[in-house]
PDB file of N, CA and C in Angstrom:
ATOM      1  N   MET A   1      -9.087 -22.442  -6.950  1.00  0.00           N
ATOM      2  CA  MET A   1      -8.111 -21.364  -6.947  1.00  0.00           C
ATOM      3  C   MET A   1      -7.113 -21.595  -5.807  1.00  0.00           C
ATOM      4  N   CYS A   2      -5.917 -21.152  -6.027  1.00  0.00           N
ATOM      5  CA  CYS A   2      -4.803 -21.285  -5.072  1.00  0.00           C
ATOM      6  C   CYS A   2      -5.080 -20.433  -3.823  1.00  0.00           C
ATOM      7  N   GLU A   3      -5.025 -21.052  -2.656  1.00  0.00           N
ATOM      8  CA  GLU A   3      -5.282 -20.319  -1.406  1.00  0.00           C
ATOM      9  C   GLU A   3      -4.229 -19.245  -1.146  1.00  0.00           C
ATOM     10  N   GLU A   4      -2.978 -19.548  -1.473  1.00  0.00           N
ATOM     11  CA  GLU A   4      -1.915 -18.558  -1.236  1.00  0.00           C
ATOM     12  C   GLU A   4      -2.086 -17.378  -2.163  1.00  0.00           C
ATOM     13  N   LYS A   5      -2.473 -17.617  -3.393  1.00  0.00           N
ATOM     14  CA  LYS A   5      -2.722 -16.513  -4.339  1.00  0.00           C
ATOM     15  C   LYS A   5      -3.870 -15.654  -3.828  1.00  0.00           C
ATOM     16  N   THR A   6      -4.911 -16.283  -3.310  1.00  0.00           N
ATOM     17  CA  THR A   6      -6.033 -15.547  -2.750  1.00  0.00           C
ATOM     18  C   THR A   6      -5.599 -14.683  -1.576  1.00  0.00           C
ATOM     19  N   ARG A   7      -4.786 -15.252  -0.709  1.00  0.00           N
ATOM     20  CA  ARG A   7      -4.291 -14.508   0.453  1.00  0.00           C
ATOM     21  C   ARG A   7      -3.419 -13.336   0.024  1.00  0.00           C
ATOM     22  N   LEU A   8      -2.505 -13.579  -0.898  1.00  0.00           N
ATOM     23  CA  LEU A   8      -1.622 -12.506  -1.375  1.00  0.00           C
ATOM     24  C   LEU A   8      -2.419 -11.415  -2.092  1.00  0.00           C
ATOM     25  N   THR A   9      -3.445 -11.815  -2.815  1.00  0.00           N
ATOM     26  CA  THR A   9      -4.288 -10.828  -3.487  1.00  0.00           C
ATOM     27  C   THR A   9      -5.010  -9.946  -2.467  1.00  0.00           C
ATOM     28  N   GLU A  10      -5.470 -10.549  -1.389  1.00  0.00           N
ATOM     29  CA  GLU A  10      -6.137  -9.784  -0.327  1.00  0.00           C
ATOM     30  C   GLU A  10      -5.169  -8.825   0.364  1.00  0.00           C
ATOM     31  N   VAL A  11      -3.957  -9.298   0.617  1.00  0.00           N
ATOM     32  CA  VAL A  11      -2.934  -8.470   1.262  1.00  0.00           C
ATOM     33  C   VAL A  11      -2.621  -7.283   0.344  1.00  0.00           C
ATOM     34  N   TYR A  12      -2.469  -7.547  -0.945  1.00  0.00           N
ATOM     35  CA  TYR A  12      -2.184  -6.490  -1.889  1.00  0.00           C
ATOM     36  C   TYR A  12      -3.336  -5.473  -1.965  1.00  0.00           C
ATOM     37  N   GLY A  13      -4.549  -5.970  -2.015  1.00  0.00           N
ATOM     38  CA  GLY A  13      -5.702  -5.082  -2.075  1.00  0.00           C
ATOM     39  C   GLY A  13      -5.812  -4.206  -0.831  1.00  0.00           C
ATOM     40  N   ASP A  14      -5.550  -4.798   0.313  1.00  0.00           N
ATOM     41  CA  ASP A  14      -5.595  -4.036   1.563  1.00  0.00           C
ATOM     42  C   ASP A  14      -4.508  -2.955   1.583  1.00  0.00           C
ATOM     43  N   ALA A  15      -3.323  -3.341   1.174  1.00  0.00           N
ATOM     44  CA  ALA A  15      -2.211  -2.390   1.172  1.00  0.00           C
ATOM     45  C   ALA A  15      -2.451  -1.240   0.182  1.00  0.00           C
ATOM     46  N   THR A  16      -2.955  -1.537  -0.981  1.00  0.00           N
ATOM     47  CA  THR A  16      -3.207  -0.474  -1.956  1.00  0.00           C
ATOM     48  C   THR A  16      -4.337   0.433  -1.497  1.00  0.00           C
ATOM     49  N   GLY A  17      -5.331  -0.141  -0.829  1.00  0.00           N
ATOM     50  CA  GLY A  17      -6.404   0.665  -0.276  1.00  0.00           C
ATOM     51  C   GLY A  17      -5.903   1.625   0.794  1.00  0.00           C
ATOM     52  N   LYS A  18      -5.044   1.127   1.663  1.00  0.00           N
ATOM     53  CA  LYS A  18      -4.483   1.982   2.705  1.00  0.00           C
ATOM     54  C   LYS A  18      -3.565   3.036   2.146  1.00  0.00           C
ATOM     55  N   PHE A  19      -2.808   2.652   1.111  1.00  0.00           N
ATOM     56  CA  PHE A  19      -1.946   3.639   0.450  1.00  0.00           C
ATOM     57  C   PHE A  19      -2.791   4.755  -0.162  1.00  0.00           C
ATOM     58  N   SER A  20      -3.836   4.388  -0.855  1.00  0.00           N
ATOM     59  CA  SER A  20      -4.735   5.370  -1.467  1.00  0.00           C
ATOM     60  C   SER A  20      -5.339   6.294  -0.421  1.00  0.00           C
ATOM     61  N   HIS A  21      -5.787   5.711   0.660  1.00  0.00           N
ATOM     62  CA  HIS A  21      -6.364   6.504   1.754  1.00  0.00           C
ATOM     63  C   HIS A  21      -5.335   7.473   2.331  1.00  0.00           C
ATOM     64  N   SER A  22      -4.109   6.991   2.517  1.00  0.00           N
ATOM     65  CA  SER A  22      -3.076   7.846   3.076  1.00  0.00           C
ATOM     66  C   SER A  22      -2.704   8.999   2.156  1.00  0.00           C
ATOM     67  N   VAL A  23      -2.737   8.751   0.837  1.00  0.00           N
ATOM     68  CA  VAL A  23      -2.467   9.821  -0.116  1.00  0.00           C
ATOM     69  C   VAL A  23      -3.573  10.875  -0.050  1.00  0.00           C
ATOM     70  N   ASN A  24      -4.823  10.438   0.057  1.00  0.00           N
ATOM     71  CA  ASN A  24      -5.945  11.362   0.173  1.00  0.00           C
ATOM     72  C   ASN A  24      -5.812  12.221   1.443  1.00  0.00           C
ATOM     73  N   GLU A  25      -5.454  11.576   2.566  1.00  0.00           N
ATOM     74  CA  GLU A  25      -5.233  12.319   3.798  1.00  0.00           C
ATOM     75  C   GLU A  25      -4.116  13.345   3.656  1.00  0.00           C
ATOM     76  N   LEU A  26      -3.043  12.932   2.995  1.00  0.00           N
ATOM     77  CA  LEU A  26      -1.922  13.814   2.779  1.00  0.00           C
ATOM     78  C   LEU A  26      -2.342  15.014   1.961  1.00  0.00           C
ATOM     79  N   GLN A  27      -3.113  14.809   0.903  1.00  0.00           N
ATOM     80  CA  GLN A  27      -3.566  15.918   0.081  1.00  0.00           C
ATOM     81  C   GLN A  27      -4.439  16.886   0.857  1.00  0.00           C
ATOM     82  N   GLU A  28      -5.230  16.352   1.779  1.00  0.00           N
ATOM     83  CA  GLU A  28      -6.098  17.200   2.592  1.00  0.00           C
ATOM     84  C   GLU A  28      -5.281  18.083   3.554  1.00  0.00           C
ATOM     85  N   LYS A  29      -4.069  17.631   3.899  1.00  0.00           N
ATOM     86  CA  LYS A  29      -3.246  18.374   4.873  1.00  0.00           C
ATOM     87  C   LYS A  29      -2.467  19.502   4.230  1.00  0.00           C
ATOM     88  N   VAL A  30      -2.351  19.514   2.913  1.00  0.00           N
ATOM     89  CA  VAL A  30      -1.569  20.570   2.243  1.00  0.00           C
ATOM     90  C   VAL A  30      -2.144  21.914   2.563  1.00  0.00           C
ATOM     91  N   GLY A  31      -1.337  22.785   3.149  1.00  0.00           N
ATOM     92  CA  GLY A  31      -1.754  24.142   3.468  1.00  0.00           C
ATOM     93  C   GLY A  31      -2.673  24.256   4.670  1.00  0.00           C
ATOM     94  N   LYS A  32      -3.002  23.143   5.316  1.00  0.00           N
ATOM     95  CA  LYS A  32      -3.948  23.190   6.437  1.00  0.00           C
ATOM     96  C   LYS A  32      -3.355  22.668   7.736  1.00  0.00           C
ATOM     97  N   SER A  33      -2.100  22.257   7.688  1.00  0.00           N
ATOM     98  CA  SER A  33      -1.502  21.663   8.892  1.00  0.00           C
ATOM     99  C   SER A  33      -0.099  22.200   9.092  1.00  0.00           C
ATOM    100  N   SER A  34       0.432  21.877  10.239  1.00  0.00           N
ATOM    101  CA  SER A  34       1.828  22.249  10.527  1.00  0.00           C
ATOM    102  C   SER A  34       2.756  21.389   9.683  1.00  0.00           C
ATOM    103  N   ILE A  35       3.964  21.844   9.567  1.00  0.00           N
ATOM    104  CA  ILE A  35       4.983  21.083   8.822  1.00  0.00           C
ATOM    105  C   ILE A  35       5.187  19.716   9.455  1.00  0.00           C
ATOM    106  N   GLU A  36       5.195  19.653  10.774  1.00  0.00           N
ATOM    107  CA  GLU A  36       5.395  18.391  11.474  1.00  0.00           C
ATOM    108  C   GLU A  36       4.277  17.402  11.179  1.00  0.00           C
ATOM    109  N   GLU A  37       3.032  17.910  11.236  1.00  0.00           N
ATOM    110  CA  GLU A  37       1.884  17.043  10.964  1.00  0.00           C
ATOM    111  C   GLU A  37       1.908  16.560   9.512  1.00  0.00           C
ATOM    112  N   TYR A  38       2.199  17.469   8.589  1.00  0.00           N
ATOM    113  CA  TYR A  38       2.269  17.091   7.172  1.00  0.00           C
ATOM    114  C   TYR A  38       3.346  16.027   6.962  1.00  0.00           C
ATOM    115  N   GLU A  39       4.515  16.212   7.582  1.00  0.00           N
ATOM    116  CA  GLU A  39       5.612  15.244   7.430  1.00  0.00           C
ATOM    117  C   GLU A  39       5.214  13.867   8.003  1.00  0.00           C
ATOM    118  N   ARG A  40       4.462  13.863   9.075  1.00  0.00           N
ATOM    119  CA  ARG A  40       3.992  12.597   9.654  1.00  0.00           C
ATOM    120  C   ARG A  40       3.094  11.874   8.661  1.00  0.00           C
ATOM    121  N   PHE A  41       2.192  12.598   8.029  1.00  0.00           N
ATOM    122  CA  PHE A  41       1.302  11.999   7.026  1.00  0.00           C
ATOM    123  C   PHE A  41       2.084  11.582   5.785  1.00  0.00           C
ATOM    124  N   ARG A  42       3.088  12.354   5.409  1.00  0.00           N
ATOM    125  CA  ARG A  42       3.899  12.016   4.244  1.00  0.00           C
ATOM    126  C   ARG A  42       4.673  10.720   4.474  1.00  0.00           C
ATOM    127  N   ARG A  43       5.232  10.592   5.671  1.00  0.00           N
ATOM    128  CA  ARG A  43       5.978   9.356   5.991  1.00  0.00           C
ATOM    129  C   ARG A  43       5.047   8.137   6.029  1.00  0.00           C
ATOM    130  N   ALA A  44       3.874   8.292   6.565  1.00  0.00           N
ATOM    131  CA  ALA A  44       2.911   7.205   6.597  1.00  0.00           C
ATOM    132  C   ALA A  44       2.511   6.792   5.194  1.00  0.00           C
ATOM    133  N   SER A  45       2.316   7.777   4.346  1.00  0.00           N
ATOM    134  CA  SER A  45       1.970   7.516   2.954  1.00  0.00           C
ATOM    135  C   SER A  45       3.093   6.758   2.261  1.00  0.00           C
ATOM    136  N   GLU A  46       4.309   7.154   2.500  1.00  0.00           N
ATOM    137  CA  GLU A  46       5.458   6.485   1.885  1.00  0.00           C
ATOM    138  C   GLU A  46       5.579   5.056   2.387  1.00  0.00           C
ATOM    139  N   GLU A  47       5.335   4.828   3.653  1.00  0.00           N
ATOM    140  CA  GLU A  47       5.361   3.469   4.205  1.00  0.00           C
ATOM    141  C   GLU A  47       4.324   2.571   3.545  1.00  0.00           C
ATOM    142  N   TRP A  48       3.122   3.086   3.336  1.00  0.00           N
ATOM    143  CA  TRP A  48       2.086   2.305   2.678  1.00  0.00           C
ATOM    144  C   TRP A  48       2.399   2.081   1.203  1.00  0.00           C
ATOM    145  N   ARG A  49       3.090   3.040   0.558  1.00  0.00           N
ATOM    146  CA  ARG A  49       3.497   2.836  -0.833  1.00  0.00           C
ATOM    147  C   ARG A  49       4.458   1.687  -0.914  1.00  0.00           C
ATOM    148  N   VAL A  50       5.439   1.649  -0.036  1.00  0.00           N
ATOM    149  CA  VAL A  50       6.431   0.581  -0.012  1.00  0.00           C
ATOM    150  C   VAL A  50       5.761  -0.739   0.293  1.00  0.00           C
ATOM    151  N   HIS A  51       4.901  -0.767   1.282  1.00  0.00           N
ATOM    152  CA  HIS A  51       4.199  -2.012   1.638  1.00  0.00           C
ATOM    153  C   HIS A  51       3.352  -2.523   0.463  1.00  0.00           C
ATOM    154  N   SER A  52       2.690  -1.620  -0.219  1.00  0.00           N
ATOM    155  CA  SER A  52       1.886  -1.975  -1.366  1.00  0.00           C
ATOM    156  C   SER A  52       2.763  -2.588  -2.470  1.00  0.00           C
ATOM    157  N   GLU A  53       3.901  -1.989  -2.725  1.00  0.00           N
ATOM    158  CA  GLU A  53       4.807  -2.491  -3.747  1.00  0.00           C
ATOM    159  C   GLU A  53       5.357  -3.864  -3.358  1.00  0.00           C
ATOM    160  N   GLN A  54       5.678  -4.044  -2.108  1.00  0.00           N
ATOM    161  CA  GLN A  54       6.160  -5.353  -1.647  1.00  0.00           C
ATOM    162  C   GLN A  54       5.080  -6.440  -1.807  1.00  0.00           C
ATOM    163  N   ALA A  55       3.857  -6.075  -1.489  1.00  0.00           N
ATOM    164  CA  ALA A  55       2.743  -7.016  -1.636  1.00  0.00           C
ATOM    165  C   ALA A  55       2.533  -7.370  -3.084  1.00  0.00           C
ATOM    166  N   ARG A  56       2.651  -6.382  -3.974  1.00  0.00           N
ATOM    167  CA  ARG A  56       2.484  -6.656  -5.402  1.00  0.00           C
ATOM    168  C   ARG A  56       3.568  -7.596  -5.899  1.00  0.00           C
ATOM    169  N   LEU A  57       4.789  -7.344  -5.485  1.00  0.00           N
ATOM    170  CA  LEU A  57       5.908  -8.211  -5.902  1.00  0.00           C
ATOM    171  C   LEU A  57       5.733  -9.651  -5.378  1.00  0.00           C
ATOM    172  N   ALA A  58       5.279  -9.781  -4.148  1.00  0.00           N
ATOM    173  CA  ALA A  58       5.057 -11.108  -3.579  1.00  0.00           C
ATOM    174  C   ALA A  58       3.995 -11.862  -4.389  1.00  0.00           C
ATOM    175  N   LEU A  59       2.929 -11.162  -4.746  1.00  0.00           N
ATOM    176  CA  LEU A  59       1.872 -11.789  -5.550  1.00  0.00           C
ATOM    177  C   LEU A  59       2.403 -12.177  -6.928  1.00  0.00           C
ATOM    178  N   GLU A  60       3.122 -11.275  -7.581  1.00  0.00           N
ATOM    179  CA  GLU A  60       3.670 -11.583  -8.901  1.00  0.00           C
ATOM    180  C   GLU A  60       4.661 -12.740  -8.845  1.00  0.00           C
ATOM    181  N   GLN A  61       5.494 -12.781  -7.829  1.00  0.00           N
ATOM    182  CA  GLN A  61       6.462 -13.875  -7.709  1.00  0.00           C
ATOM    183  C   GLN A  61       5.750 -15.202  -7.482  1.00  0.00           C
ATOM    184  N   HIS A  62       4.721 -15.186  -6.689  1.00  0.00           N
ATOM    185  CA  HIS A  62       3.970 -16.410  -6.442  1.00  0.00           C
ATOM    186  C   HIS A  62       3.333 -16.923  -7.723  1.00  0.00           C
ATOM    187  N   VAL A  63       2.686 -16.036  -8.448  1.00  0.00           N
ATOM    188  CA  VAL A  63       2.026 -16.423  -9.679  1.00  0.00           C
ATOM    189  C   VAL A  63       3.053 -16.961 -10.684  1.00  0.00           C
ATOM    190  N   ALA A  64       4.194 -16.325 -10.767  1.00  0.00           N
ATOM    191  CA  ALA A  64       5.244 -16.767 -11.725  1.00  0.00           C
ATOM    192  C   ALA A  64       5.794 -18.132 -11.316  1.00  0.00           C
ATOM    193  N   ALA A  65       5.972 -18.341 -10.062  1.00  0.00           N
ATOM    194  CA  ALA A  65       6.570 -19.605  -9.578  1.00  0.00           C
ATOM    195  C   ALA A  65       5.597 -20.762  -9.627  1.00  0.00           C
ATOM    196  N   HIS A  66       4.337 -20.504  -9.371  1.00  0.00           N
ATOM    197  CA  HIS A  66       3.342 -21.580  -9.249  1.00  0.00           C
ATOM    198  C   HIS A  66       2.403 -21.696 -10.428  1.00  0.00           C
ATOM    199  N   LYS A  67       2.502 -20.738 -11.359  1.00  0.00           N
ATOM    200  CA  LYS A  67       1.670 -20.732 -12.562  1.00  0.00           C
ATOM    201  C   LYS A  67       0.183 -20.802 -12.235  1.00  0.00           C
ATOM    202  N   CYS A  68      -0.202 -20.087 -11.175  1.00  0.00           N
ATOM    203  CA  CYS A  68      -1.627 -20.107 -10.797  1.00  0.00           C
ATOM    204  C   CYS A  68      -2.284 -18.773 -11.011  1.00  0.00           C
TER     205      CYS A  68
END
């Protein structure tokens, strides 16, 4: 198996896991935290969503380019 594909798959898995965790934390804050705290969690969740999407694209591009 391609080492780069393995690495990119791990990066993507880590990013999606952190995104999922951040969404769960955000849901727990609804109605239980200040607006400032909620916004902080919302921004973190959005950052992990973007990172996850970038990791997915990098993996897809690698697979398409290298046919692995």
